[in-house]
C-alpha atoms as a PDB file:
ATOM      1  CA  MET A   1      48.593 -82.114-187.058  1.00  0.00           C
ATOM      2  CA  PRO A   2      48.979 -81.396-190.758  1.00  0.00           C
ATOM      3  CA  ASN A   3      48.372 -77.788-191.824  1.00  0.00           C
ATOM      4  CA  LEU A   4      47.358 -76.674-188.327  1.00  0.00           C
ATOM      5  CA  ARG A   5      47.733 -72.947-187.845  1.00  0.00           C
ATOM      6  CA  THR A   6      46.267 -70.447-185.464  1.00  0.00           C
ATOM      7  CA  ALA A   7      44.514 -68.635-188.336  1.00  0.00           C
ATOM      8  CA  ASP A   8      42.132 -71.606-188.476  1.00  0.00           C
ATOM      9  CA  TYR A   9      40.747 -70.747-185.033  1.00  0.00           C
ATOM     10  CA  SER A  10      38.765 -67.921-183.469  1.00  0.00           C
ATOM     11  CA  GLU A  11      40.353 -65.102-181.550  1.00  0.00           C
ATOM     12  CA  ALA A  12      38.830 -66.564-178.368  1.00  0.00           C
ATOM     13  CA  ALA A  13      40.555 -69.906-179.039  1.00  0.00           C
ATOM     14  CA  ARG A  14      43.868 -68.159-179.762  1.00  0.00           C
ATOM     15  CA  LYS A  15      43.483 -66.160-176.536  1.00  0.00           C
ATOM     16  CA  ARG A  16      42.897 -69.380-174.597  1.00  0.00           C
ATOM     17  CA  LEU A  17      46.050 -70.901-176.079  1.00  0.00           C
ATOM     18  CA  GLY A  18      48.181 -67.780-175.648  1.00  0.00           C
ATOM     19  CA  ASP A  19      47.186 -67.388-172.006  1.00  0.00           C
ATOM     20  CA  ALA A  20      47.760 -71.099-171.307  1.00  0.00           C
ATOM     21  CA  VAL A  21      51.213 -71.037-172.934  1.00  0.00           C
ATOM     22  CA  ALA A  22      52.267 -67.856-171.118  1.00  0.00           C
ATOM     23  CA  GLN A  23      51.102 -69.211-167.759  1.00  0.00           C
ATOM     24  CA  ALA A  24      52.787 -72.597-168.295  1.00  0.00           C
ATOM     25  CA  ARG A  25      55.997 -70.959-169.524  1.00  0.00           C
ATOM     26  CA  ARG A  26      56.209 -68.868-166.370  1.00  0.00           C
ATOM     27  CA  ALA A  27      55.281 -71.863-164.159  1.00  0.00           C
ATOM     28  CA  ALA A  28      58.148 -73.776-165.804  1.00  0.00           C
ATOM     29  CA  GLY A  29      60.534 -71.104-164.566  1.00  0.00           C
ATOM     30  CA  HIS A  30      60.844 -69.137-167.808  1.00  0.00           C
ATOM     31  CA  THR A  31      60.022 -65.641-166.591  1.00  0.00           C
ATOM     32  CA  TRP A  32      61.475 -64.236-169.797  1.00  0.00           C
ATOM     33  CA  ARG A  33      60.476 -65.385-173.259  1.00  0.00           C
ATOM     34  CA  THR A  34      64.120 -65.430-174.360  1.00  0.00           C
ATOM     35  CA  THR A  35      64.963 -68.365-172.092  1.00  0.00           C
ATOM     36  CA  PHE A  36      61.959 -70.376-173.253  1.00  0.00           C
ATOM     37  CA  ILE A  37      62.618 -69.893-176.981  1.00  0.00           C
ATOM     38  CA  LYS A  38      66.006 -71.548-176.573  1.00  0.00           C
ATOM     39  CA  GLU A  39      64.443 -74.582-174.938  1.00  0.00           C
ATOM     40  CA  ALA A  40      61.638 -74.777-177.503  1.00  0.00           C
ATOM     41  CA  ALA A  41      63.991 -74.050-180.439  1.00  0.00           C
ATOM     42  CA  ILE A  42      61.695 -71.362-181.861  1.00  0.00           C
ATOM     43  CA  GLY A  43      62.078 -67.689-182.643  1.00  0.00           C
ATOM     44  CA  ILE A  44      61.096 -64.912-180.251  1.00  0.00           C
ATOM     45  CA  ARG A  45      58.592 -63.559-182.765  1.00  0.00           C
ATOM     46  CA  SER A  46      56.840 -66.936-182.923  1.00  0.00           C
ATOM     47  CA  LEU A  47      56.377 -67.101-179.161  1.00  0.00           C
ATOM     48  CA  GLU A  48      55.237 -63.499-179.077  1.00  0.00           C
ATOM     49  CA  ALA A  49      52.678 -64.278-181.789  1.00  0.00           C
ATOM     50  CA  VAL A  50      51.231 -67.151-179.745  1.00  0.00           C
ATOM     51  CA  GLU A  51      51.104 -65.138-176.540  1.00  0.00           C
ATOM     52  CA  ARG A  52      49.570 -62.137-178.346  1.00  0.00           C
ATOM     53  CA  TYR A  53      46.840 -64.299-179.909  1.00  0.00           C
ATOM     54  CA  GLU A  54      47.992 -63.672-183.474  1.00  0.00           C
ATOM     55  CA  ASP A  55      46.732 -65.721-186.388  1.00  0.00           C
ATOM     56  CA  LYS A  56      50.044 -66.468-188.069  1.00  0.00           C
ATOM     57  CA  VAL A  57      51.508 -69.381-186.107  1.00  0.00           C
ATOM     58  CA  GLY A  58      51.960 -72.761-187.801  1.00  0.00           C
ATOM     59  CA  VAL A  59      52.069 -76.372-186.726  1.00  0.00           C
ATOM     60  CA  ASP A  60      55.847 -76.646-186.245  1.00  0.00           C
ATOM     61  CA  VAL A  61      55.965 -73.818-183.688  1.00  0.00           C
ATOM     62  CA  LEU A  62      52.894 -75.120-181.854  1.00  0.00           C
ATOM     63  CA  GLU A  63      54.325 -78.634-181.629  1.00  0.00           C
ATOM     64  CA  ARG A  64      57.696 -77.343-180.402  1.00  0.00           C
ATOM     65  CA  ILE A  65      55.988 -75.279-177.705  1.00  0.00           C
ATOM     66  CA  GLY A  66      53.945 -78.285-176.606  1.00  0.00           C
ATOM     67  CA  ARG A  67      57.009 -80.544-176.463  1.00  0.00           C
ATOM     68  CA  ALA A  68      59.065 -77.970-174.556  1.00  0.00           C
ATOM     69  CA  LEU A  69      56.317 -77.552-171.953  1.00  0.00           C
ATOM     70  CA  GLY A  70      55.996 -81.344-171.863  1.00  0.00           C
ATOM     71  CA  ARG A  71      59.495 -81.555-170.463  1.00  0.00           C
ATOM     72  CA  HIS A  72      58.187 -79.659-167.440  1.00  0.00           C
ATOM     73  CA  PHE A  73      54.570 -80.780-167.114  1.00  0.00           C
ATOM     74  CA  ARG A  74      53.038 -84.239-167.247  1.00  0.00           C
ATOM     75  CA  ASP A  75      50.031 -83.419-169.445  1.00  0.00           C
ATOM     76  CA  TRP A  76      51.687 -81.206-172.062  1.00  0.00           C
ATOM     77  CA  ASN A  77      52.914 -82.680-175.365  1.00  0.00           C
ATOM     78  CA  ALA A  78      53.205 -81.749-179.047  1.00  0.00           C
ATOM     79  CA  ASP A  79      49.438 -82.093-179.515  1.00  0.00           C
ATOM     80  CA  THR A  80      48.374 -79.988-176.513  1.00  0.00           C
ATOM     81  CA  PRO A  81      48.220 -76.618-178.365  1.00  0.00           C
ATOM     82  CA  ARG A  82      45.735 -78.098-180.859  1.00  0.00           C
ATOM     83  CA  VAL A  83      43.647 -79.545-178.036  1.00  0.00           C
ATOM     84  CA  ILE A  84      43.520 -76.146-176.344  1.00  0.00           C
ATOM     85  CA  LEU A  85      42.643 -74.379-179.608  1.00  0.00           C
ATOM     86  CA  GLU A  86      39.798 -76.844-180.109  1.00  0.00           C
ATOM     87  CA  GLY A  87      38.364 -76.109-176.662  1.00  0.00           C
ATOM     88  CA  GLY A  88      39.859 -79.071-174.827  1.00  0.00           C
ATOM     89  CA  PRO A  89      41.215 -78.906-171.300  1.00  0.00           C
ATOM     90  CA  ILE A  90      44.151 -76.724-170.359  1.00  0.00           C
ATOM     91  CA  PRO A  91      46.650 -79.043-168.646  1.00  0.00           C
ATOM     92  CA  SER A  92      47.682 -78.601-165.036  1.00  0.00           C
ATOM     93  CA  HIS A  93      51.225 -77.779-164.014  1.00  0.00           C
ATOM     94  CA  GLU A  94      51.823 -81.216-162.529  1.00  0.00           C
ATOM     95  CA  PRO A  95      55.541 -81.929-162.942  1.00  0.00           C
ATOM     96  CA  ALA A  96      56.679 -84.264-165.681  1.00  0.00           C
ATOM     97  CA  PRO A  97      58.036 -87.654-164.626  1.00  0.00           C
ATOM     98  CA  ARG A  98      61.711 -87.461-163.722  1.00  0.00           C
ATOM     99  CA  ALA A  99      62.628 -90.207-166.206  1.00  0.00           C
ATOM    100  CA  VAL A 100      61.898 -87.903-169.150  1.00  0.00           C
ATOM    101  CA  ILE A 101      64.306 -85.297-167.803  1.00  0.00           C
ATOM    102  CA  ASP A 102      67.095 -87.855-167.150  1.00  0.00           C
ATOM    103  CA  ILE A 103      67.584 -88.681-170.831  1.00  0.00           C
ATOM    104  CA  ARG A 104      70.478 -86.192-170.953  1.00  0.00           C
ATOM    105  CA  TRP A 105      72.295 -88.013-168.152  1.00  0.00           C
ATOM    106  CA  ALA A 106      71.769 -91.430-169.781  1.00  0.00           C
ATOM    107  CA  ALA A 107      73.081 -90.181-173.127  1.00  0.00           C
ATOM    108  CA  LYS A 108      76.150 -88.582-171.531  1.00  0.00           C
ATOM    109  CA  GLU A 109      76.975 -91.722-169.538  1.00  0.00           C
ATOM    110  CA  GLU A 110      76.669 -94.036-172.523  1.00  0.00           C
ATOM    111  CA  LEU A 111      78.649 -91.790-174.867  1.00  0.00           C
ATOM    112  CA  ALA A 112      81.400 -91.194-172.301  1.00  0.00           C
ATOM    113  CA  THR A 113      81.677 -94.956-171.686  1.00  0.00           C
ATOM    114  CA  LEU A 114      82.011 -95.582-175.415  1.00  0.00           C
ATOM    115  CA  LEU A 115      84.707 -92.934-175.760  1.00  0.00           C
ATOM    116  CA  VAL A 116      86.678 -94.284-172.800  1.00  0.00           C
ATOM    117  CA  SER A 117      86.495 -97.797-174.237  1.00  0.00           C
ATOM    118  CA  GLY A 118      88.067 -96.597-177.491  1.00  0.00           C
ATOM    119  CA  VAL A 119      85.145 -97.612-179.670  1.00  0.00           C
ATOM    120  CA  ASP A 120      85.583 -96.883-183.386  1.00  0.00           C
ATOM    121  CA  ALA A 121      84.093 -93.782-184.967  1.00  0.00           C
ATOM    122  CA  MET A 122      81.375 -95.686-186.865  1.00  0.00           C
ATOM    123  CA  VAL A 123      79.944 -97.246-183.696  1.00  0.00           C
ATOM    124  CA  PHE A 124      80.089 -93.917-181.875  1.00  0.00           C
ATOM    125  CA  SER A 125      78.398 -92.187-184.818  1.00  0.00           C
ATOM    126  CA  ARG A 126      75.564 -94.763-184.824  1.00  0.00           C
ATOM    127  CA  LYS A 127      75.033 -94.233-181.107  1.00  0.00           C
ATOM    128  CA  VAL A 128      74.930 -90.453-181.572  1.00  0.00           C
ATOM    129  CA  ARG A 129      72.247 -90.920-184.257  1.00  0.00           C
ATOM    130  CA  HIS A 130      70.313 -93.107-181.817  1.00  0.00           C
ATOM    131  CA  TRP A 131      70.406 -90.331-179.225  1.00  0.00           C
ATOM    132  CA  GLN A 132      69.433 -87.743-181.847  1.00  0.00           C
ATOM    133  CA  ARG A 133      66.264 -89.724-182.489  1.00  0.00           C
ATOM    134  CA  ARG A 134      65.561 -90.147-178.766  1.00  0.00           C
ATOM    135  CA  PHE A 135      66.121 -86.439-178.052  1.00  0.00           C
ATOM    136  CA  ALA A 136      63.846 -85.480-180.977  1.00  0.00           C
ATOM    137  CA  GLU A 137      61.131 -87.880-179.748  1.00  0.00           C
ATOM    138  CA  GLU A 138      61.277 -86.297-176.316  1.00  0.00           C
ATOM    139  CA  GLY A 139      61.242 -82.791-177.782  1.00  0.00           C
ATOM    140  CA  PHE A 140      64.737 -81.773-176.739  1.00  0.00           C
ATOM    141  CA  PRO A 141      66.473 -79.346-179.099  1.00  0.00           C
ATOM    142  CA  GLU A 142      69.531 -80.626-180.958  1.00  0.00           C
ATOM    143  CA  GLU A 143      71.696 -78.120-179.069  1.00  0.00           C
ATOM    144  CA  ASP A 144      71.050 -80.181-175.925  1.00  0.00           C
ATOM    145  CA  LEU A 145      72.561 -83.246-177.577  1.00  0.00           C
ATOM    146  CA  HIS A 146      75.601 -81.237-178.692  1.00  0.00           C
ATOM    147  CA  GLU A 147      76.077 -80.115-175.085  1.00  0.00           C
ATOM    148  CA  VAL A 148      75.767 -83.721-173.863  1.00  0.00           C
ATOM    149  CA  ILE A 149      78.347 -84.913-176.422  1.00  0.00           C
ATOM    150  CA  LYS A 150      80.752 -82.196-175.239  1.00  0.00           C
ATOM    151  CA  GLN A 151      80.213 -83.261-171.619  1.00  0.00           C
ATOM    152  CA  ALA A 152      80.844 -86.909-172.578  1.00  0.00           C
ATOM    153  CA  GLU A 153      84.056 -85.936-174.375  1.00  0.00           C
ATOM    154  CA  ASP A 154      85.223 -83.909-171.383  1.00  0.00           C
ATOM    155  CA  GLU A 155      84.398 -86.789-169.028  1.00  0.00           C
ATOM    156  CA  ALA A 156      86.199 -89.303-171.255  1.00  0.00           C
ATOM    157  CA  GLU A 157      89.328 -87.105-171.375  1.00  0.00           C
ATOM    158  CA  SER A 158      89.553 -86.917-167.596  1.00  0.00           C
ATOM    159  CA  PRO A 159      88.066 -90.121-166.162  1.00  0.00           C
ATOM    160  CA  THR A 160      87.831 -90.205-162.398  1.00  0.00           C
END
């Protein structure tokens, strides 16, 4: 979506998008904008601008919102905001497949196993980069990976 921004669309299209995002955000359990912005890795002002139908939101914010909602709902993804702006369907709130959500568990298990095995730092670093790519592809913020690495380190220090 190069150069996409809400200024390129009518107020009616922006209203459609803002209402769809606000409704999906709440349906995902984010009653407050402040909890959603952490998941989407955007600023509060950016989310407010979308939900207030403003014409100053760019492609990066729209893609992050779409990816964040895609972690909750099957038919949301990075491209969904553009589709809505262009008059396409507003996705349902059908839950996302569980496999997408379990990426955090898989990363933690693999990293903890590597740490317990005493793997060298270069191998561990390559595996962390692999998970960075996977998390980015799935739309998870980098802070989630940092949390997973910390959990893996804690698990490796006190194996059961």
